[in-house]
């Protein structure tokens, strides 16, 4: 059961990682506000429903120094303050609840190359909850996480390519040290992920996520199709599309996300959510 759970968790983690898009801002950004809206079909029309609101403040070097999250009712739910060293490495993050009480604190240490080598997480009372150590050997990154009592709770190795993209991710059983699961990644020439190949402890292929992309078609700026296979059999296929608006600096100000579904016997693009941003420049 434990191995099965680990594999499922690995799949979820890397699905999220693939879905997350890099968001590098250009220009002298001072603050970003973002609103997320979910959508529903009401009386045959698309209705926007405010889901969340967040803000980010940047220093003159472009580092995020403060973040705030708000609920759909407008109430502050979390505020985070980040600190950096002279090399612009994020050394500390302090998370506050909506009431201003410290919820947790993360402290980080870096080597001379600016690589993260130690992470410590403390709860709101200042008690250590876990500590992670990271070692590097060429393109290999070894991460080991320990609970507050010193018990090993997570052991992961990650191999990267020359661009820093993960190409192989390995998790180990924290009790025996035996290999538990493996995920391999392949990329297109533009560094977009083409596939995630998931293996069990015997390095037998058990599941696959494969992606294909097209651009400026069907009214979309980008269309992504993801196919999920289990044991070589197609389990689920999803096609999504995005329409993006940008400002004069090339930063996006609105992203409309669509999902292709069959309705009344015909494929149709359904608007699933909208993200809007207001960017303040110095």
Protein backbone atom coordinates (compact mmCIF):
# COMPACT_ATOMS: atom_id res chain seq x y z
CA UNK A 1 0.00 0.00 0.00
CA UNK A 2 2.82 2.38 0.88
CA UNK A 3 4.43 2.00 -2.55
CA UNK A 4 1.12 2.53 -4.27
CA UNK A 5 0.52 5.75 -2.33
CA UNK A 6 4.03 7.00 -3.12
CA UNK A 7 3.52 6.46 -6.85
CA UNK A 8 0.19 8.28 -6.80
CA UNK A 9 1.72 11.20 -4.90
CA UNK A 10 4.59 11.35 -7.39
CA UNK A 11 2.15 11.52 -10.29
CA UNK A 12 0.19 14.32 -8.65
CA UNK A 13 3.31 16.33 -7.82
CA UNK A 14 4.64 16.19 -11.33
CA UNK A 15 1.28 16.86 -12.97
CA UNK A 16 1.21 20.04 -10.94
CA UNK A 17 4.81 20.86 -11.82
CA UNK A 18 4.13 20.48 -15.52
CA UNK A 19 0.97 22.55 -15.32
CA UNK A 20 2.75 25.39 -13.53
CA UNK A 21 4.07 27.88 -16.03
CA UNK A 22 7.12 30.06 -15.52
CA UNK A 23 6.08 33.68 -15.11
CA UNK A 24 9.12 35.91 -15.61
CA UNK A 25 8.10 39.56 -15.65
CA UNK A 26 9.87 42.18 -17.74
CA UNK A 27 10.15 45.88 -17.00
CA UNK A 28 10.48 47.81 -13.71
CA UNK A 29 7.64 46.04 -11.90
CA UNK A 30 6.62 47.41 -8.52
CA UNK A 31 3.39 45.52 -7.79
CA UNK A 32 1.11 42.92 -9.35
CA UNK A 33 -2.52 42.30 -8.46
CA UNK A 34 -4.24 39.20 -9.77
CA UNK A 35 -7.89 38.18 -9.80
CA UNK A 36 -9.07 34.67 -10.63
CA UNK A 37 -12.59 33.96 -11.82
CA UNK A 38 -14.26 30.60 -12.23
CA UNK A 39 -17.09 30.27 -14.73
CA UNK A 40 -20.52 28.65 -14.88
CA UNK A 41 -23.09 28.34 -17.62
CA UNK A 42 -26.29 30.11 -16.50
CA UNK A 43 -29.25 30.36 -18.81
CA UNK A 44 -26.97 29.48 -21.70
CA UNK A 45 -24.52 32.29 -20.94
CA UNK A 46 -21.11 32.26 -19.29
CA UNK A 47 -21.14 33.79 -15.80
CA UNK A 48 -17.90 34.91 -14.13
CA UNK A 49 -17.57 34.07 -10.44
CA UNK A 50 -14.86 35.80 -8.43
CA UNK A 51 -12.72 33.07 -6.89
CA UNK A 52 -9.65 34.75 -5.39
CA UNK A 53 -7.48 37.85 -5.32
CA UNK A 54 -3.74 38.10 -4.66
CA UNK A 55 -1.01 40.73 -4.64
CA UNK A 56 2.77 40.71 -5.00
CA UNK A 57 5.17 43.52 -4.20
CA UNK A 58 8.65 43.71 -5.74
CA UNK A 59 11.83 45.47 -4.73
CA UNK A 60 13.92 47.47 -7.19
CA UNK A 61 15.90 44.32 -8.08
CA UNK A 62 12.76 42.46 -9.13
CA UNK A 63 12.54 40.20 -6.08
CA UNK A 64 9.13 39.42 -4.59
CA UNK A 65 9.25 40.86 -1.07
CA UNK A 66 5.62 40.51 0.00
CA UNK A 67 2.62 38.43 -1.07
CA UNK A 68 -0.97 38.47 0.07
CA UNK A 69 -3.84 36.07 -0.60
CA UNK A 70 -7.51 37.00 -0.30
CA UNK A 71 -10.64 34.87 -0.32
CA UNK A 72 -13.58 35.33 -2.68
CA UNK A 73 -15.21 37.46 0.02
CA UNK A 74 -12.21 39.82 0.00
CA UNK A 75 -10.86 38.76 3.40
CA UNK A 76 -7.09 38.46 3.83
CA UNK A 77 -6.24 34.76 4.27
CA UNK A 78 -2.44 34.77 4.18
CA UNK A 79 0.42 37.26 3.98
CA UNK A 80 4.04 36.32 3.28
CA UNK A 81 7.18 38.40 3.69
CA UNK A 82 10.42 37.35 1.96
CA UNK A 83 14.02 38.35 2.76
CA UNK A 84 17.08 38.12 0.49
CA UNK A 85 20.84 38.21 0.89
CA UNK A 86 23.29 40.36 -1.09
CA UNK A 87 23.27 37.76 -3.89
CA UNK A 88 19.45 38.01 -4.19
CA UNK A 89 18.97 34.50 -2.77
CA UNK A 90 15.70 34.14 -0.82
CA UNK A 91 16.89 33.39 2.70
CA UNK A 92 13.68 33.63 4.71
CA UNK A 93 9.91 33.50 4.17
CA UNK A 94 7.52 34.29 7.00
CA UNK A 95 3.87 33.30 6.55
CA UNK A 96 1.18 35.13 8.52
CA UNK A 97 -2.47 34.20 8.92
CA UNK A 98 -5.22 36.63 7.99
CA UNK A 99 -5.20 37.75 11.64
CA UNK A 100 -1.50 38.68 11.52
CA UNK A 101 -0.23 35.69 13.52
CA UNK A 102 2.85 33.82 12.26
CA UNK A 103 1.75 30.49 10.80
CA UNK A 104 5.16 29.18 9.73
CA UNK A 105 8.65 30.33 8.82
CA UNK A 106 11.08 28.95 6.22
CA UNK A 107 14.82 29.58 6.43
CA UNK A 108 17.18 28.74 3.58
CA UNK A 109 20.95 28.49 3.18
CA UNK A 110 22.91 28.63 -0.08
CA UNK A 111 26.36 27.68 -1.32
CA UNK A 112 28.78 30.04 -3.07
CA UNK A 113 27.10 29.29 -6.41
CA UNK A 114 23.71 30.47 -5.08
CA UNK A 115 22.29 26.94 -4.88
CA UNK A 116 19.95 26.00 -2.06
CA UNK A 117 21.65 23.56 0.33
CA UNK A 118 19.50 23.64 3.47
CA UNK A 119 15.85 24.39 4.25
CA UNK A 120 14.36 24.61 7.72
CA UNK A 121 10.64 24.97 8.38
CA UNK A 122 9.30 26.20 11.72
CA UNK A 123 5.74 26.37 12.98
CA UNK A 124 4.06 29.47 14.38
CA UNK A 125 5.59 28.85 17.80
CA UNK A 126 9.12 28.71 16.41
CA UNK A 127 9.43 24.93 16.69
CA UNK A 128 11.31 23.09 13.95
CA UNK A 129 8.97 20.88 11.92
CA UNK A 130 11.42 19.57 9.34
CA UNK A 131 14.86 20.15 7.88
CA UNK A 132 16.03 19.39 4.33
CA UNK A 133 19.58 19.04 3.03
CA UNK A 134 20.50 19.30 -0.65
CA UNK A 135 23.74 18.11 -2.28
CA UNK A 136 24.89 18.64 -5.86
CA UNK A 137 27.08 16.52 -8.08
CA UNK A 138 27.21 17.75 -11.67
CA UNK A 139 23.61 17.67 -12.92
CA UNK A 140 22.46 15.53 -9.98
CA UNK A 141 20.60 17.08 -7.04
CA UNK A 142 20.09 14.95 -3.91
CA UNK A 143 17.44 16.08 -1.41
CA UNK A 144 16.86 14.48 1.99
CA UNK A 145 14.16 15.71 4.36
CA UNK A 146 14.04 14.92 8.08
CA UNK A 147 11.33 15.37 10.67
CA UNK A 148 12.05 17.43 13.79
CA UNK A 149 13.13 14.27 15.66
CA UNK A 150 15.74 13.48 13.00
CA UNK A 151 13.73 10.78 11.23
CA UNK A 152 14.21 10.64 7.46
CA UNK A 153 10.83 11.30 5.80
CA UNK A 154 11.65 11.97 2.14
CA UNK A 155 14.57 11.03 -0.14
CA UNK A 156 14.63 12.32 -3.72
CA UNK A 157 17.27 12.52 -6.46
CA UNK A 158 16.75 14.83 -9.44
CA UNK A 159 18.82 14.89 -12.62
CA UNK A 160 18.70 17.94 -14.89
CA UNK A 161 19.78 18.75 -18.43
CA UNK A 162 22.02 21.64 -19.51
CA UNK A 163 19.02 24.01 -19.34
CA UNK A 164 18.18 23.04 -15.77
CA UNK A 165 15.10 21.02 -16.78
CA UNK A 166 14.41 17.86 -14.74
CA UNK A 167 15.04 14.76 -16.88
CA UNK A 168 14.90 12.06 -14.18
CA UNK A 169 13.30 12.14 -10.75
CA UNK A 170 13.84 9.26 -8.30
CA UNK A 171 12.25 8.66 -4.92
CA UNK A 172 13.53 6.16 -2.36
CA UNK A 173 11.94 4.29 0.52
CA UNK A 174 13.00 6.27 3.57
CA UNK A 175 13.28 3.11 5.72
CA UNK A 176 15.18 0.73 3.43
CA UNK A 177 16.81 3.14 0.97
CA UNK A 178 15.46 1.07 -1.92
CA UNK A 179 14.33 2.75 -5.11
CA UNK A 180 10.59 3.37 -4.95
CA UNK A 181 9.54 5.21 -8.12
CA UNK A 182 11.06 6.99 -11.12
CA UNK A 183 9.76 9.70 -13.44
CA UNK A 184 11.53 10.60 -16.68
CA UNK A 185 10.89 13.76 -18.71
CA UNK A 186 11.37 14.58 -22.37
CA UNK A 187 11.25 18.05 -23.94
CA UNK A 188 10.69 19.71 -27.29
CA UNK A 189 13.26 22.07 -28.82
CA UNK A 190 11.47 25.03 -27.19
CA UNK A 191 11.85 23.27 -23.80
CA UNK A 192 8.15 22.50 -23.42
CA UNK A 193 7.49 19.15 -21.76
CA UNK A 194 6.61 16.39 -24.23
CA UNK A 195 6.22 13.48 -21.84
CA UNK A 196 6.37 12.26 -18.25
CA UNK A 197 7.16 8.54 -18.01
CA UNK A 198 6.43 6.99 -14.62
CA UNK A 199 8.06 3.76 -13.41
CA UNK A 200 7.63 1.58 -10.34
CA UNK A 201 10.34 0.28 -7.99
CA UNK A 202 11.39 -2.31 -10.60
CA UNK A 203 11.67 0.50 -13.19
CA UNK A 204 8.74 -0.95 -15.14
CA UNK A 205 6.72 1.67 -17.01
CA UNK A 206 3.34 2.03 -15.31
CA UNK A 207 1.97 5.35 -16.55
CA UNK A 208 2.63 8.07 -19.12
CA UNK A 209 1.64 11.68 -19.64
CA UNK A 210 2.19 12.85 -23.22
CA UNK A 211 1.69 16.41 -24.49
CA UNK A 212 1.26 18.00 -27.89
CA UNK A 213 0.94 21.69 -28.74
CA UNK A 214 -0.44 23.85 -31.52
CA UNK A 215 -0.60 27.62 -31.90
CA UNK A 216 -2.93 30.24 -33.38
CA UNK A 217 -5.64 27.74 -34.22
CA UNK A 218 -9.38 27.70 -33.56
CA UNK A 219 -9.25 31.16 -32.01
CA UNK A 220 -6.69 30.08 -29.41
CA UNK A 221 -3.19 31.40 -28.89
CA UNK A 222 -2.07 27.97 -27.70
CA UNK A 223 -3.74 24.56 -27.60
CA UNK A 224 -2.40 21.75 -25.40
CA UNK A 225 -3.50 18.14 -25.58
CA UNK A 226 -2.48 15.85 -22.72
CA UNK A 227 -2.94 12.08 -22.93
CA UNK A 228 -2.69 9.98 -19.78
CA UNK A 229 -1.87 6.29 -20.24
CA UNK A 230 -1.91 3.56 -17.61
CA UNK A 231 -0.27 0.27 -18.52
CA UNK A 232 -0.10 1.38 -22.16
CA UNK A 233 -3.85 2.03 -22.39
CA UNK A 234 -5.22 5.54 -22.87
CA UNK A 235 -7.02 6.48 -19.66
CA UNK A 236 -7.87 10.11 -20.29
CA UNK A 237 -7.29 12.76 -22.94
CA UNK A 238 -7.71 16.47 -22.26
CA UNK A 239 -7.49 19.39 -24.66
CA UNK A 240 -7.18 22.92 -23.32
CA UNK A 241 -6.72 26.28 -24.98
CA UNK A 242 -5.59 29.70 -23.85
CA UNK A 243 -6.12 33.24 -25.11
CA UNK A 244 -3.66 35.77 -23.71
CA UNK A 245 -3.58 39.56 -23.67
CA UNK A 246 -0.32 41.39 -22.91
CA UNK A 247 0.77 44.94 -22.11
CA UNK A 248 3.48 47.05 -23.76
CA UNK A 249 6.19 45.23 -21.75
CA UNK A 250 4.99 41.84 -22.98
CA UNK A 251 3.62 40.79 -19.57
CA UNK A 252 0.24 39.11 -19.66
CA UNK A 253 -2.71 41.04 -18.26
CA UNK A 254 -5.48 38.55 -18.98
CA UNK A 255 -5.49 34.81 -19.62
CA UNK A 256 -8.68 33.03 -20.62
CA UNK A 257 -8.47 29.27 -20.19
CA UNK A 258 -10.73 26.96 -22.16
CA UNK A 259 -11.41 23.24 -22.10
CA UNK A 260 -12.68 21.33 -25.11
CA UNK A 261 -15.70 19.16 -24.34
CA UNK A 262 -18.44 17.51 -26.33
CA UNK A 263 -21.82 19.21 -26.00
CA UNK A 264 -24.92 18.26 -27.94
CA UNK A 265 -22.81 15.88 -30.03
CA UNK A 266 -20.26 18.52 -31.08
CA UNK A 267 -16.83 19.49 -29.72
CA UNK A 268 -17.04 22.88 -28.08
CA UNK A 269 -14.65 25.23 -26.30
CA UNK A 270 -15.93 25.99 -22.79
CA UNK A 271 -14.40 28.84 -20.80
CA UNK A 272 -13.20 27.34 -17.50
CA UNK A 273 -11.50 30.25 -15.75
CA UNK A 274 -10.11 33.74 -16.26
CA UNK A 275 -7.04 35.33 -14.71
CA UNK A 276 -6.62 39.10 -14.81
CA UNK A 277 -3.66 41.13 -13.66
CA UNK A 278 -2.99 44.77 -12.95
CA UNK A 279 0.74 45.55 -13.10
CA UNK A 280 2.19 48.71 -11.56
CA UNK A 281 5.57 49.83 -12.90
CA UNK A 282 8.10 52.14 -11.26
